[in-house]
């Protein structure tokens, strides 16, 4: 993966609110629901629906989003390829956390069972 500082800085400065509508579109296009999307986001970050809406309303950057999140202790079990790169091999912690989120949203959209996505909840 491009682990350059500019790449990581670009991800850190992106807002969650700018990506969130794309997540909704992706999962709904594949027959999943916004509620299921919120469930996987809450599993990863600890943000319930209200806290998630606060992040969207404040246009929080991914850097702040993940600083305020309580990352699930099983997040390290998220493995595989997203955007052509293995998430478990990403060196920058923030970039890895964003890709964890991308990966579980992708799994949801691909129809993976919720208990598999939530890594043994």
PDB file of N, CA and C in Angstrom:
ATOM      1  N   UNK A   1       0.843  -1.183   0.000  1.00  0.00           N
ATOM      2  CA  UNK A   1       0.000   0.000   0.000  1.00  0.00           C
ATOM      3  C   UNK A   1       0.880   1.235   0.000  1.00  0.00           C
ATOM      4  N   UNK A   2       0.346   2.300  -0.503  1.00  0.00           N
ATOM      5  CA  UNK A   2       1.045   3.567  -0.466  1.00  0.00           C
ATOM      6  C   UNK A   2       1.027   4.059   0.968  1.00  0.00           C
ATOM      7  N   UNK A   3       2.088   3.781   1.703  1.00  0.00           N
ATOM      8  CA  UNK A   3       2.160   4.176   3.107  1.00  0.00           C
ATOM      9  C   UNK A   3       2.832   5.520   3.269  1.00  0.00           C
ATOM     10  N   UNK A   4       2.858   6.303   2.213  1.00  0.00           N
ATOM     11  CA  UNK A   4       3.492   7.609   2.281  1.00  0.00           C
ATOM     12  C   UNK A   4       2.731   8.519   3.221  1.00  0.00           C
ATOM     13  N   UNK A   5       3.439   9.468   3.748  1.00  0.00           N
ATOM     14  CA  UNK A   5       2.825  10.426   4.649  1.00  0.00           C
ATOM     15  C   UNK A   5       1.681  11.197   3.991  1.00  0.00           C
ATOM     16  N   UNK A   6       1.817  11.669   2.735  1.00  0.00           N
ATOM     17  CA  UNK A   6       0.689  12.383   2.114  1.00  0.00           C
ATOM     18  C   UNK A   6      -0.585  11.531   2.013  1.00  0.00           C
ATOM     19  N   UNK A   7      -0.421  10.239   1.719  1.00  0.00           N
ATOM     20  CA  UNK A   7      -1.577   9.340   1.634  1.00  0.00           C
ATOM     21  C   UNK A   7      -2.264   9.232   2.996  1.00  0.00           C
ATOM     22  N   UNK A   8      -1.483   8.999   4.036  1.00  0.00           N
ATOM     23  CA  UNK A   8      -2.034   8.870   5.383  1.00  0.00           C
ATOM     24  C   UNK A   8      -2.664  10.188   5.845  1.00  0.00           C
ATOM     25  N   UNK A   9      -2.030  11.304   5.507  1.00  0.00           N
ATOM     26  CA  UNK A   9      -2.580  12.608   5.878  1.00  0.00           C
ATOM     27  C   UNK A   9      -3.907  12.866   5.178  1.00  0.00           C
ATOM     28  N   UNK A  10      -4.000  12.460   3.909  1.00  0.00           N
ATOM     29  CA  UNK A  10      -5.247  12.647   3.164  1.00  0.00           C
ATOM     30  C   UNK A  10      -6.379  11.866   3.819  1.00  0.00           C
ATOM     31  N   UNK A  11      -6.106  10.633   4.208  1.00  0.00           N
ATOM     32  CA  UNK A  11      -7.126   9.816   4.884  1.00  0.00           C
ATOM     33  C   UNK A  11      -7.498  10.451   6.221  1.00  0.00           C
ATOM     34  N   UNK A  12      -6.511  10.919   6.975  1.00  0.00           N
ATOM     35  CA  UNK A  12      -6.773  11.522   8.286  1.00  0.00           C
ATOM     36  C   UNK A  12      -7.669  12.752   8.172  1.00  0.00           C
ATOM     37  N   UNK A  13      -7.521  13.512   7.079  1.00  0.00           N
ATOM     38  CA  UNK A  13      -8.279  14.758   6.913  1.00  0.00           C
ATOM     39  C   UNK A  13      -9.654  14.549   6.280  1.00  0.00           C
ATOM     40  N   UNK A  14      -9.897  13.370   5.708  1.00  0.00           N
ATOM     41  CA  UNK A  14     -11.219  13.089   5.143  1.00  0.00           C
ATOM     42  C   UNK A  14     -12.241  13.061   6.270  1.00  0.00           C
ATOM     43  N   UNK A  15     -13.454  13.510   5.976  1.00  0.00           N
ATOM     44  CA  UNK A  15     -14.484  13.466   7.009  1.00  0.00           C
ATOM     45  C   UNK A  15     -15.300  12.185   6.881  1.00  0.00           C
ATOM     46  N   UNK A  16     -15.710  11.692   8.025  1.00  0.00           N
ATOM     47  CA  UNK A  16     -16.581  10.516   8.030  1.00  0.00           C
ATOM     48  C   UNK A  16     -17.865  10.830   7.275  1.00  0.00           C
ATOM     49  N   UNK A  17     -18.379  12.059   7.460  1.00  0.00           N
ATOM     50  CA  UNK A  17     -19.634  12.462   6.814  1.00  0.00           C
ATOM     51  C   UNK A  17     -19.544  12.404   5.289  1.00  0.00           C
ATOM     52  N   UNK A  18     -18.357  12.592   4.726  1.00  0.00           N
ATOM     53  CA  UNK A  18     -18.216  12.559   3.272  1.00  0.00           C
ATOM     54  C   UNK A  18     -18.250  11.137   2.724  1.00  0.00           C
ATOM     55  N   UNK A  19     -17.904  10.168   3.543  1.00  0.00           N
ATOM     56  CA  UNK A  19     -17.842   8.766   3.105  1.00  0.00           C
ATOM     57  C   UNK A  19     -19.113   8.001   3.471  1.00  0.00           C
ATOM     58  N   UNK A  20     -19.730   8.387   4.566  1.00  0.00           N
ATOM     59  CA  UNK A  20     -20.910   7.694   5.089  1.00  0.00           C
ATOM     60  C   UNK A  20     -22.015   7.473   4.047  1.00  0.00           C
ATOM     61  N   UNK A  21     -22.398   8.490   3.248  1.00  0.00           N
ATOM     62  CA  UNK A  21     -23.453   8.245   2.241  1.00  0.00           C
ATOM     63  C   UNK A  21     -23.069   7.150   1.234  1.00  0.00           C
ATOM     64  N   UNK A  22     -21.776   7.041   0.947  1.00  0.00           N
ATOM     65  CA  UNK A  22     -21.319   5.999   0.024  1.00  0.00           C
ATOM     66  C   UNK A  22     -21.464   4.610   0.653  1.00  0.00           C
ATOM     67  N   UNK A  23     -21.219   4.529   1.956  1.00  0.00           N
ATOM     68  CA  UNK A  23     -21.425   3.266   2.671  1.00  0.00           C
ATOM     69  C   UNK A  23     -22.894   2.852   2.583  1.00  0.00           C
ATOM     70  N   UNK A  24     -23.788   3.806   2.848  1.00  0.00           N
ATOM     71  CA  UNK A  24     -25.231   3.504   2.792  1.00  0.00           C
ATOM     72  C   UNK A  24     -25.625   3.031   1.395  1.00  0.00           C
ATOM     73  N   UNK A  25     -25.210   3.760   0.385  1.00  0.00           N
ATOM     74  CA  UNK A  25     -25.532   3.392  -0.996  1.00  0.00           C
ATOM     75  C   UNK A  25     -25.015   1.996  -1.321  1.00  0.00           C
ATOM     76  N   UNK A  26     -23.783   1.728  -0.920  1.00  0.00           N
ATOM     77  CA  UNK A  26     -23.164   0.433  -1.217  1.00  0.00           C
ATOM     78  C   UNK A  26     -23.948  -0.726  -0.606  1.00  0.00           C
ATOM     79  N   UNK A  27     -24.307  -0.606   0.669  1.00  0.00           N
ATOM     80  CA  UNK A  27     -24.983  -1.734   1.321  1.00  0.00           C
ATOM     81  C   UNK A  27     -26.435  -1.859   0.870  1.00  0.00           C
ATOM     82  N   UNK A  28     -27.114  -0.730   0.676  1.00  0.00           N
ATOM     83  CA  UNK A  28     -28.522  -0.794   0.257  1.00  0.00           C
ATOM     84  C   UNK A  28     -28.656  -1.310  -1.171  1.00  0.00           C
ATOM     85  N   UNK A  29     -27.692  -0.988  -2.012  1.00  0.00           N
ATOM     86  CA  UNK A  29     -27.705  -1.482  -3.396  1.00  0.00           C
ATOM     87  C   UNK A  29     -27.640  -3.010  -3.424  1.00  0.00           C
ATOM     88  N   UNK A  30     -27.030  -3.582  -2.389  1.00  0.00           N
ATOM     89  CA  UNK A  30     -26.867  -5.032  -2.313  1.00  0.00           C
ATOM     90  C   UNK A  30     -27.906  -5.694  -1.403  1.00  0.00           C
ATOM     91  N   UNK A  31     -28.950  -4.932  -1.023  1.00  0.00           N
ATOM     92  CA  UNK A  31     -30.041  -5.528  -0.253  1.00  0.00           C
ATOM     93  C   UNK A  31     -29.863  -5.535   1.242  1.00  0.00           C
ATOM     94  N   UNK A  32     -28.837  -4.864   1.742  1.00  0.00           N
ATOM     95  CA  UNK A  32     -28.669  -4.759   3.191  1.00  0.00           C
ATOM     96  C   UNK A  32     -29.278  -3.442   3.655  1.00  0.00           C
ATOM     97  N   UNK A  33     -29.361  -3.238   4.974  1.00  0.00           N
ATOM     98  CA  UNK A  33     -30.058  -2.065   5.497  1.00  0.00           C
ATOM     99  C   UNK A  33     -29.109  -1.092   6.196  1.00  0.00           C
ATOM    100  N   UNK A  34     -29.604   0.125   6.355  1.00  0.00           N
ATOM    101  CA  UNK A  34     -28.875   1.152   7.092  1.00  0.00           C
ATOM    102  C   UNK A  34     -28.671   0.692   8.538  1.00  0.00           C
ATOM    103  N   UNK A  35     -29.667  -0.005   9.092  1.00  0.00           N
ATOM    104  CA  UNK A  35     -29.565  -0.504  10.468  1.00  0.00           C
ATOM    105  C   UNK A  35     -28.421  -1.514  10.597  1.00  0.00           C
ATOM    106  N   UNK A  36     -28.282  -2.385   9.592  1.00  0.00           N
ATOM    107  CA  UNK A  36     -27.171  -3.339   9.610  1.00  0.00           C
ATOM    108  C   UNK A  36     -25.832  -2.611   9.500  1.00  0.00           C
ATOM    109  N   UNK A  37     -25.799  -1.577   8.671  1.00  0.00           N
ATOM    110  CA  UNK A  37     -24.582  -0.767   8.555  1.00  0.00           C
ATOM    111  C   UNK A  37     -24.231  -0.163   9.909  1.00  0.00           C
ATOM    112  N   UNK A  38     -25.215   0.400  10.578  1.00  0.00           N
ATOM    113  CA  UNK A  38     -24.976   0.988  11.895  1.00  0.00           C
ATOM    114  C   UNK A  38     -24.510  -0.065  12.896  1.00  0.00           C
ATOM    115  N   UNK A  39     -25.026  -1.256  12.778  1.00  0.00           N
ATOM    116  CA  UNK A  39     -24.617  -2.334  13.687  1.00  0.00           C
ATOM    117  C   UNK A  39     -23.130  -2.654  13.520  1.00  0.00           C
ATOM    118  N   UNK A  40     -22.644  -2.745  12.292  1.00  0.00           N
ATOM    119  CA  UNK A  40     -21.227  -3.073  12.100  1.00  0.00           C
ATOM    120  C   UNK A  40     -20.337  -1.893  12.480  1.00  0.00           C
ATOM    121  N   UNK A  41     -20.806  -0.667  12.224  1.00  0.00           N
ATOM    122  CA  UNK A  41     -20.026   0.507  12.634  1.00  0.00           C
ATOM    123  C   UNK A  41     -19.948   0.577  14.158  1.00  0.00           C
ATOM    124  N   UNK A  42     -21.073   0.313  14.830  1.00  0.00           N
ATOM    125  CA  UNK A  42     -21.062   0.333  16.295  1.00  0.00           C
ATOM    126  C   UNK A  42     -20.165  -0.762  16.850  1.00  0.00           C
ATOM    127  N   UNK A  43     -20.182  -1.933  16.224  1.00  0.00           N
ATOM    128  CA  UNK A  43     -19.308  -3.024  16.678  1.00  0.00           C
ATOM    129  C   UNK A  43     -17.844  -2.584  16.612  1.00  0.00           C
ATOM    130  N   UNK A  44     -17.453  -1.941  15.523  1.00  0.00           N
ATOM    131  CA  UNK A  44     -16.054  -1.546  15.353  1.00  0.00           C
ATOM    132  C   UNK A  44     -15.671  -0.363  16.232  1.00  0.00           C
ATOM    133  N   UNK A  45     -16.547   0.641  16.326  1.00  0.00           N
ATOM    134  CA  UNK A  45     -16.161   1.916  16.945  1.00  0.00           C
ATOM    135  C   UNK A  45     -16.745   2.175  18.326  1.00  0.00           C
ATOM    136  N   UNK A  46     -17.827   1.481  18.656  1.00  0.00           N
ATOM    137  CA  UNK A  46     -18.523   1.759  19.909  1.00  0.00           C
ATOM    138  C   UNK A  46     -19.517   2.899  19.799  1.00  0.00           C
ATOM    139  N   UNK A  47     -19.634   3.520  18.629  1.00  0.00           N
ATOM    140  CA  UNK A  47     -20.574   4.635  18.443  1.00  0.00           C
ATOM    141  C   UNK A  47     -21.980   4.105  18.224  1.00  0.00           C
ATOM    142  N   UNK A  48     -22.894   4.453  19.135  1.00  0.00           N
ATOM    143  CA  UNK A  48     -24.301   4.114  18.917  1.00  0.00           C
ATOM    144  C   UNK A  48     -24.860   5.095  17.883  1.00  0.00           C
ATOM    145  N   UNK A  49     -26.124   4.948  17.572  1.00  0.00           N
ATOM    146  CA  UNK A  49     -26.725   5.759  16.506  1.00  0.00           C
ATOM    147  C   UNK A  49     -26.595   7.264  16.775  1.00  0.00           C
ATOM    148  N   UNK A  50     -26.825   7.684  18.014  1.00  0.00           N
ATOM    149  CA  UNK A  50     -26.746   9.110  18.347  1.00  0.00           C
ATOM    150  C   UNK A  50     -25.318   9.633  18.216  1.00  0.00           C
ATOM    151  N   UNK A  51     -24.356   8.882  18.736  1.00  0.00           N
ATOM    152  CA  UNK A  51     -22.954   9.314  18.650  1.00  0.00           C
ATOM    153  C   UNK A  51     -22.487   9.336  17.194  1.00  0.00           C
ATOM    154  N   UNK A  52     -22.967   8.391  16.417  1.00  0.00           N
ATOM    155  CA  UNK A  52     -22.632   8.353  14.999  1.00  0.00           C
ATOM    156  C   UNK A  52     -23.190   9.585  14.292  1.00  0.00           C
ATOM    157  N   UNK A  53     -24.442   9.931  14.605  1.00  0.00           N
ATOM    158  CA  UNK A  53     -25.051  11.124  14.014  1.00  0.00           C
ATOM    159  C   UNK A  53     -24.294  12.388  14.431  1.00  0.00           C
ATOM    160  N   UNK A  54     -23.826  12.430  15.672  1.00  0.00           N
ATOM    161  CA  UNK A  54     -23.026  13.572  16.130  1.00  0.00           C
ATOM    162  C   UNK A  54     -21.751  13.708  15.302  1.00  0.00           C
ATOM    163  N   UNK A  55     -21.103  12.583  15.015  1.00  0.00           N
ATOM    164  CA  UNK A  55     -19.883  12.596  14.198  1.00  0.00           C
ATOM    165  C   UNK A  55     -20.178  13.137  12.796  1.00  0.00           C
ATOM    166  N   UNK A  56     -21.319  12.739  12.250  1.00  0.00           N
ATOM    167  CA  UNK A  56     -21.724  13.196  10.917  1.00  0.00           C
ATOM    168  C   UNK A  56     -22.034  14.692  10.953  1.00  0.00           C
ATOM    169  N   UNK A  57     -22.813  15.120  11.944  1.00  0.00           N
ATOM    170  CA  UNK A  57     -23.207  16.529  12.061  1.00  0.00           C
ATOM    171  C   UNK A  57     -21.995  17.447  12.239  1.00  0.00           C
ATOM    172  N   UNK A  58     -21.007  16.979  12.984  1.00  0.00           N
ATOM    173  CA  UNK A  58     -19.805  17.783  13.250  1.00  0.00           C
ATOM    174  C   UNK A  58     -18.791  17.712  12.106  1.00  0.00           C
ATOM    175  N   UNK A  59     -19.097  16.865  11.109  1.00  0.00           N
ATOM    176  CA  UNK A  59     -18.169  16.667   9.990  1.00  0.00           C
ATOM    177  C   UNK A  59     -16.759  16.316  10.506  1.00  0.00           C
ATOM    178  N   UNK A  60     -16.747  15.355  11.406  1.00  0.00           N
ATOM    179  CA  UNK A  60     -15.521  14.900  12.046  1.00  0.00           C
ATOM    180  C   UNK A  60     -14.585  14.243  11.043  1.00  0.00           C
ATOM    181  N   UNK A  61     -13.302  14.574  11.135  1.00  0.00           N
ATOM    182  CA  UNK A  61     -12.310  13.908  10.293  1.00  0.00           C
ATOM    183  C   UNK A  61     -12.139  12.471  10.781  1.00  0.00           C
ATOM    184  N   UNK A  62     -11.587  11.625   9.901  1.00  0.00           N
ATOM    185  CA  UNK A  62     -11.327  10.249  10.326  1.00  0.00           C
ATOM    186  C   UNK A  62     -10.341  10.218  11.490  1.00  0.00           C
ATOM    187  N   UNK A  63      -9.397  11.157  11.532  1.00  0.00           N
ATOM    188  CA  UNK A  63      -8.441  11.192  12.644  1.00  0.00           C
ATOM    189  C   UNK A  63      -9.185  11.368  13.967  1.00  0.00           C
ATOM    190  N   UNK A  64     -10.089  12.332  14.024  1.00  0.00           N
ATOM    191  CA  UNK A  64     -10.867  12.576  15.247  1.00  0.00           C
ATOM    192  C   UNK A  64     -11.860  11.455  15.500  1.00  0.00           C
ATOM    193  N   UNK A  65     -12.492  10.982  14.437  1.00  0.00           N
ATOM    194  CA  UNK A  65     -13.469   9.893  14.532  1.00  0.00           C
ATOM    195  C   UNK A  65     -12.867   8.697  15.267  1.00  0.00           C
ATOM    196  N   UNK A  66     -11.676   8.266  14.837  1.00  0.00           N
ATOM    197  CA  UNK A  66     -11.076   7.090  15.465  1.00  0.00           C
ATOM    198  C   UNK A  66     -10.391   7.402  16.794  1.00  0.00           C
ATOM    199  N   UNK A  67     -10.008   8.671  17.028  1.00  0.00           N
ATOM    200  CA  UNK A  67      -9.501   9.042  18.354  1.00  0.00           C
ATOM    201  C   UNK A  67     -10.611   8.925  19.392  1.00  0.00           C
ATOM    202  N   UNK A  68     -11.835   9.259  18.988  1.00  0.00           N
ATOM    203  CA  UNK A  68     -12.969   9.236  19.907  1.00  0.00           C
ATOM    204  C   UNK A  68     -13.622   7.857  19.993  1.00  0.00           C
ATOM    205  N   UNK A  69     -13.285   6.994  19.072  1.00  0.00           N
ATOM    206  CA  UNK A  69     -13.879   5.650  19.046  1.00  0.00           C
ATOM    207  C   UNK A  69     -13.240   4.761  20.102  1.00  0.00           C
ATOM    208  N   UNK A  70     -14.003   3.756  20.510  1.00  0.00           N
ATOM    209  CA  UNK A  70     -13.473   2.687  21.348  1.00  0.00           C
ATOM    210  C   UNK A  70     -13.404   1.470  20.443  1.00  0.00           C
ATOM    211  N   UNK A  71     -12.235   1.256  19.860  1.00  0.00           N
ATOM    212  CA  UNK A  71     -12.081   0.193  18.871  1.00  0.00           C
ATOM    213  C   UNK A  71     -12.341  -1.174  19.504  1.00  0.00           C
ATOM    214  N   UNK A  72     -13.125  -1.980  18.821  1.00  0.00           N
ATOM    215  CA  UNK A  72     -13.443  -3.314  19.319  1.00  0.00           C
ATOM    216  C   UNK A  72     -12.154  -4.111  19.504  1.00  0.00           C
ATOM    217  N   UNK A  73     -12.020  -4.830  20.630  1.00  0.00           N
ATOM    218  CA  UNK A  73     -10.799  -5.613  20.859  1.00  0.00           C
ATOM    219  C   UNK A  73     -10.565  -6.701  19.809  1.00  0.00           C
ATOM    220  N   UNK A  74     -11.626  -7.084  19.084  1.00  0.00           N
ATOM    221  CA  UNK A  74     -11.473  -8.099  18.036  1.00  0.00           C
ATOM    222  C   UNK A  74     -11.249  -7.493  16.649  1.00  0.00           C
ATOM    223  N   UNK A  75     -11.029  -6.189  16.590  1.00  0.00           N
ATOM    224  CA  UNK A  75     -10.822  -5.538  15.293  1.00  0.00           C
ATOM    225  C   UNK A  75      -9.623  -6.134  14.557  1.00  0.00           C
ATOM    226  N   UNK A  76      -8.623  -6.568  15.302  1.00  0.00           N
ATOM    227  CA  UNK A  76      -7.431  -7.152  14.663  1.00  0.00           C
ATOM    228  C   UNK A  76      -7.761  -8.430  13.889  1.00  0.00           C
ATOM    229  N   UNK A  77      -8.934  -8.998  14.136  1.00  0.00           N
ATOM    230  CA  UNK A  77      -9.354 -10.203  13.413  1.00  0.00           C
ATOM    231  C   UNK A  77      -9.866  -9.881  12.006  1.00  0.00           C
ATOM    232  N   UNK A  78     -10.016  -8.588  11.701  1.00  0.00           N
ATOM    233  CA  UNK A  78     -10.430  -8.181  10.357  1.00  0.00           C
ATOM    234  C   UNK A  78      -9.204  -8.297   9.461  1.00  0.00           C
ATOM    235  N   UNK A  79      -9.279  -9.231   8.537  1.00  0.00           N
ATOM    236  CA  UNK A  79      -8.154  -9.460   7.643  1.00  0.00           C
ATOM    237  C   UNK A  79      -8.673  -9.550   6.214  1.00  0.00           C
ATOM    238  N   UNK A  80      -7.756  -9.543   5.306  1.00  0.00           N
ATOM    239  CA  UNK A  80      -8.133  -9.675   3.912  1.00  0.00           C
ATOM    240  C   UNK A  80      -7.763  -8.437   3.114  1.00  0.00           C
ATOM    241  N   UNK A  81      -8.209  -8.438   1.882  1.00  0.00           N
ATOM    242  CA  UNK A  81      -7.823  -7.395   0.945  1.00  0.00           C
ATOM    243  C   UNK A  81      -8.946  -6.378   0.783  1.00  0.00           C
ATOM    244  N   UNK A  82      -8.581  -5.110   0.864  1.00  0.00           N
ATOM    245  CA  UNK A  82      -9.497  -4.014   0.560  1.00  0.00           C
ATOM    246  C   UNK A  82      -8.700  -2.989  -0.234  1.00  0.00           C
ATOM    247  N   UNK A  83      -9.282  -2.532  -1.315  1.00  0.00           N
ATOM    248  CA  UNK A  83      -8.606  -1.574  -2.204  1.00  0.00           C
ATOM    249  C   UNK A  83      -7.258  -2.121  -2.689  1.00  0.00           C
ATOM    250  N   UNK A  84      -7.159  -3.435  -2.791  1.00  0.00           N
ATOM    251  CA  UNK A  84      -5.951  -4.061  -3.312  1.00  0.00           C
ATOM    252  C   UNK A  84      -4.847  -4.297  -2.299  1.00  0.00           C
ATOM    253  N   UNK A  85      -5.095  -4.012  -1.032  1.00  0.00           N
ATOM    254  CA  UNK A  85      -4.067  -4.161  -0.006  1.00  0.00           C
ATOM    255  C   UNK A  85      -4.603  -4.953   1.175  1.00  0.00           C
ATOM    256  N   UNK A  86      -3.695  -5.695   1.810  1.00  0.00           N
ATOM    257  CA  UNK A  86      -4.073  -6.491   2.975  1.00  0.00           C
ATOM    258  C   UNK A  86      -4.179  -5.573   4.191  1.00  0.00           C
ATOM    259  N   UNK A  87      -5.346  -5.562   4.825  1.00  0.00           N
ATOM    260  CA  UNK A  87      -5.553  -4.645   5.954  1.00  0.00           C
ATOM    261  C   UNK A  87      -4.622  -4.954   7.120  1.00  0.00           C
ATOM    262  N   UNK A  88      -4.299  -6.227   7.295  1.00  0.00           N
ATOM    263  CA  UNK A  88      -3.448  -6.593   8.433  1.00  0.00           C
ATOM    264  C   UNK A  88      -1.995  -6.167   8.243  1.00  0.00           C
ATOM    265  N   UNK A  89      -1.621  -5.741   7.022  1.00  0.00           N
ATOM    266  CA  UNK A  89      -0.245  -5.336   6.743  1.00  0.00           C
ATOM    267  C   UNK A  89      -0.075  -3.819   6.646  1.00  0.00           C
ATOM    268  N   UNK A  90      -1.130  -3.070   6.861  1.00  0.00           N
ATOM    269  CA  UNK A  90      -1.052  -1.611   6.768  1.00  0.00           C
ATOM    270  C   UNK A  90      -0.321  -1.085   7.992  1.00  0.00           C
ATOM    271  N   UNK A  91       0.707  -0.283   7.760  1.00  0.00           N
ATOM    272  CA  UNK A  91       1.571   0.188   8.840  1.00  0.00           C
ATOM    273  C   UNK A  91       1.017   1.336   9.659  1.00  0.00           C
ATOM    274  N   UNK A  92       0.312   2.257   9.038  1.00  0.00           N
ATOM    275  CA  UNK A  92      -0.200   3.417   9.756  1.00  0.00           C
ATOM    276  C   UNK A  92      -1.481   3.017  10.497  1.00  0.00           C
ATOM    277  N   UNK A  93      -1.519   3.176  11.831  1.00  0.00           N
ATOM    278  CA  UNK A  93      -2.687   2.720  12.599  1.00  0.00           C
ATOM    279  C   UNK A  93      -4.013   3.351  12.156  1.00  0.00           C
ATOM    280  N   UNK A  94      -4.028   4.653  11.882  1.00  0.00           N
ATOM    281  CA  UNK A  94      -5.271   5.296  11.468  1.00  0.00           C
ATOM    282  C   UNK A  94      -5.727   4.775  10.108  1.00  0.00           C
ATOM    283  N   UNK A  95      -4.809   4.694   9.173  1.00  0.00           N
ATOM    284  CA  UNK A  95      -5.154   4.168   7.847  1.00  0.00           C
ATOM    285  C   UNK A  95      -5.685   2.749   7.975  1.00  0.00           C
ATOM    286  N   UNK A  96      -5.082   1.957   8.846  1.00  0.00           N
ATOM    287  CA  UNK A  96      -5.549   0.590   9.067  1.00  0.00           C
ATOM    288  C   UNK A  96      -6.963   0.582   9.645  1.00  0.00           C
ATOM    289  N   UNK A  97      -7.256   1.464  10.580  1.00  0.00           N
ATOM    290  CA  UNK A  97      -8.584   1.514  11.182  1.00  0.00           C
ATOM    291  C   UNK A  97      -9.641   1.915  10.150  1.00  0.00           C
ATOM    292  N   UNK A  98      -9.306   2.880   9.293  1.00  0.00           N
ATOM    293  CA  UNK A  98     -10.237   3.279   8.233  1.00  0.00           C
ATOM    294  C   UNK A  98     -10.473   2.108   7.301  1.00  0.00           C
ATOM    295  N   UNK A  99      -9.426   1.373   6.978  1.00  0.00           N
ATOM    296  CA  UNK A  99      -9.575   0.214   6.090  1.00  0.00           C
ATOM    297  C   UNK A  99     -10.327  -0.925   6.770  1.00  0.00           C
ATOM    298  N   UNK A 100     -10.210  -1.050   8.098  1.00  0.00           N
ATOM    299  CA  UNK A 100     -11.047  -2.016   8.828  1.00  0.00           C
ATOM    300  C   UNK A 100     -12.518  -1.692   8.563  1.00  0.00           C
ATOM    301  N   UNK A 101     -12.846  -0.417   8.699  1.00  0.00           N
ATOM    302  CA  UNK A 101     -14.216   0.021   8.469  1.00  0.00           C
ATOM    303  C   UNK A 101     -14.637  -0.276   7.029  1.00  0.00           C
ATOM    304  N   UNK A 102     -13.783   0.073   6.079  1.00  0.00           N
ATOM    305  CA  UNK A 102     -14.083  -0.211   4.670  1.00  0.00           C
ATOM    306  C   UNK A 102     -14.314  -1.707   4.454  1.00  0.00           C
ATOM    307  N   UNK A 103     -13.488  -2.513   5.088  1.00  0.00           N
ATOM    308  CA  UNK A 103     -13.561  -3.967   4.899  1.00  0.00           C
ATOM    309  C   UNK A 103     -14.868  -4.535   5.438  1.00  0.00           C
ATOM    310  N   UNK A 104     -15.291  -4.121   6.631  1.00  0.00           N
ATOM    311  CA  UNK A 104     -16.523  -4.702   7.172  1.00  0.00           C
ATOM    312  C   UNK A 104     -17.749  -4.189   6.418  1.00  0.00           C
ATOM    313  N   UNK A 105     -17.686  -2.962   5.923  1.00  0.00           N
ATOM    314  CA  UNK A 105     -18.783  -2.458   5.083  1.00  0.00           C
ATOM    315  C   UNK A 105     -18.840  -3.267   3.791  1.00  0.00           C
ATOM    316  N   UNK A 106     -17.684  -3.561   3.232  1.00  0.00           N
ATOM    317  CA  UNK A 106     -17.607  -4.372   2.016  1.00  0.00           C
ATOM    318  C   UNK A 106     -18.166  -5.775   2.260  1.00  0.00           C
ATOM    319  N   UNK A 107     -17.816  -6.371   3.391  1.00  0.00           N
ATOM    320  CA  UNK A 107     -18.332  -7.701   3.724  1.00  0.00           C
ATOM    321  C   UNK A 107     -19.842  -7.680   3.875  1.00  0.00           C
ATOM    322  N   UNK A 108     -20.370  -6.637   4.500  1.00  0.00           N
ATOM    323  CA  UNK A 108     -21.815  -6.491   4.651  1.00  0.00           C
ATOM    324  C   UNK A 108     -22.473  -6.420   3.275  1.00  0.00           C
ATOM    325  N   UNK A 109     -21.922  -5.596   2.402  1.00  0.00           N
ATOM    326  CA  UNK A 109     -22.484  -5.426   1.060  1.00  0.00           C
ATOM    327  C   UNK A 109     -22.416  -6.715   0.249  1.00  0.00           C
ATOM    328  N   UNK A 110     -21.407  -7.532   0.516  1.00  0.00           N
ATOM    329  CA  UNK A 110     -21.252  -8.785  -0.238  1.00  0.00           C
ATOM    330  C   UNK A 110     -22.119  -9.909   0.312  1.00  0.00           C
ATOM    331  N   UNK A 111     -22.900  -9.615   1.363  1.00  0.00           N
ATOM    332  CA  UNK A 111     -23.836 -10.606   1.865  1.00  0.00           C
ATOM    333  C   UNK A 111     -23.285 -11.541   2.921  1.00  0.00           C
ATOM    334  N   UNK A 112     -22.120 -11.224   3.460  1.00  0.00           N
ATOM    335  CA  UNK A 112     -21.559 -12.071   4.508  1.00  0.00           C
ATOM    336  C   UNK A 112     -22.476 -12.049   5.725  1.00  0.00           C
ATOM    337  N   UNK A 113     -22.555 -13.167   6.413  1.00  0.00           N
ATOM    338  CA  UNK A 113     -23.407 -13.265   7.602  1.00  0.00           C
ATOM    339  C   UNK A 113     -22.894 -12.338   8.695  1.00  0.00           C
ATOM    340  N   UNK A 114     -23.839 -11.724   9.403  1.00  0.00           N
ATOM    341  CA  UNK A 114     -23.505 -10.737  10.430  1.00  0.00           C
ATOM    342  C   UNK A 114     -22.563 -11.305  11.490  1.00  0.00           C
ATOM    343  N   UNK A 115     -22.798 -12.539  11.917  1.00  0.00           N
ATOM    344  CA  UNK A 115     -21.929 -13.105  12.963  1.00  0.00           C
ATOM    345  C   UNK A 115     -20.493 -13.272  12.486  1.00  0.00           C
ATOM    346  N   UNK A 116     -20.293 -13.445  11.190  1.00  0.00           N
ATOM    347  CA  UNK A 116     -18.934 -13.532  10.634  1.00  0.00           C
ATOM    348  C   UNK A 116     -18.294 -12.145  10.593  1.00  0.00           C
ATOM    349  N   UNK A 117     -19.093 -11.148  10.179  1.00  0.00           N
ATOM    350  CA  UNK A 117     -18.585  -9.775  10.101  1.00  0.00           C
ATOM    351  C   UNK A 117     -18.179  -9.289  11.486  1.00  0.00           C
ATOM    352  N   UNK A 118     -18.964  -9.629  12.492  1.00  0.00           N
ATOM    353  CA  UNK A 118     -18.728  -9.154  13.854  1.00  0.00           C
ATOM    354  C   UNK A 118     -17.714 -10.011  14.602  1.00  0.00           C
ATOM    355  N   UNK A 119     -17.057 -10.880  13.898  1.00  0.00           N
ATOM    356  CA  UNK A 119     -15.939 -11.669  14.433  1.00  0.00           C
ATOM    357  C   UNK A 119     -16.239 -12.294  15.788  1.00  0.00           C
ATOM    358  N   UNK A 120     -17.270 -13.123  15.810  1.00  0.00           N
ATOM    359  CA  UNK A 120     -17.561 -13.914  16.998  1.00  0.00           C
ATOM    360  C   UNK A 120     -18.169 -13.153  18.146  1.00  0.00           C
ATOM    361  N   UNK A 121     -18.990 -12.145  17.834  1.00  0.00           N
ATOM    362  CA  UNK A 121     -19.669 -11.363  18.875  1.00  0.00           C
ATOM    363  C   UNK A 121     -20.457 -12.272  19.795  1.00  0.00           C
TER     364      UNK A 121
END
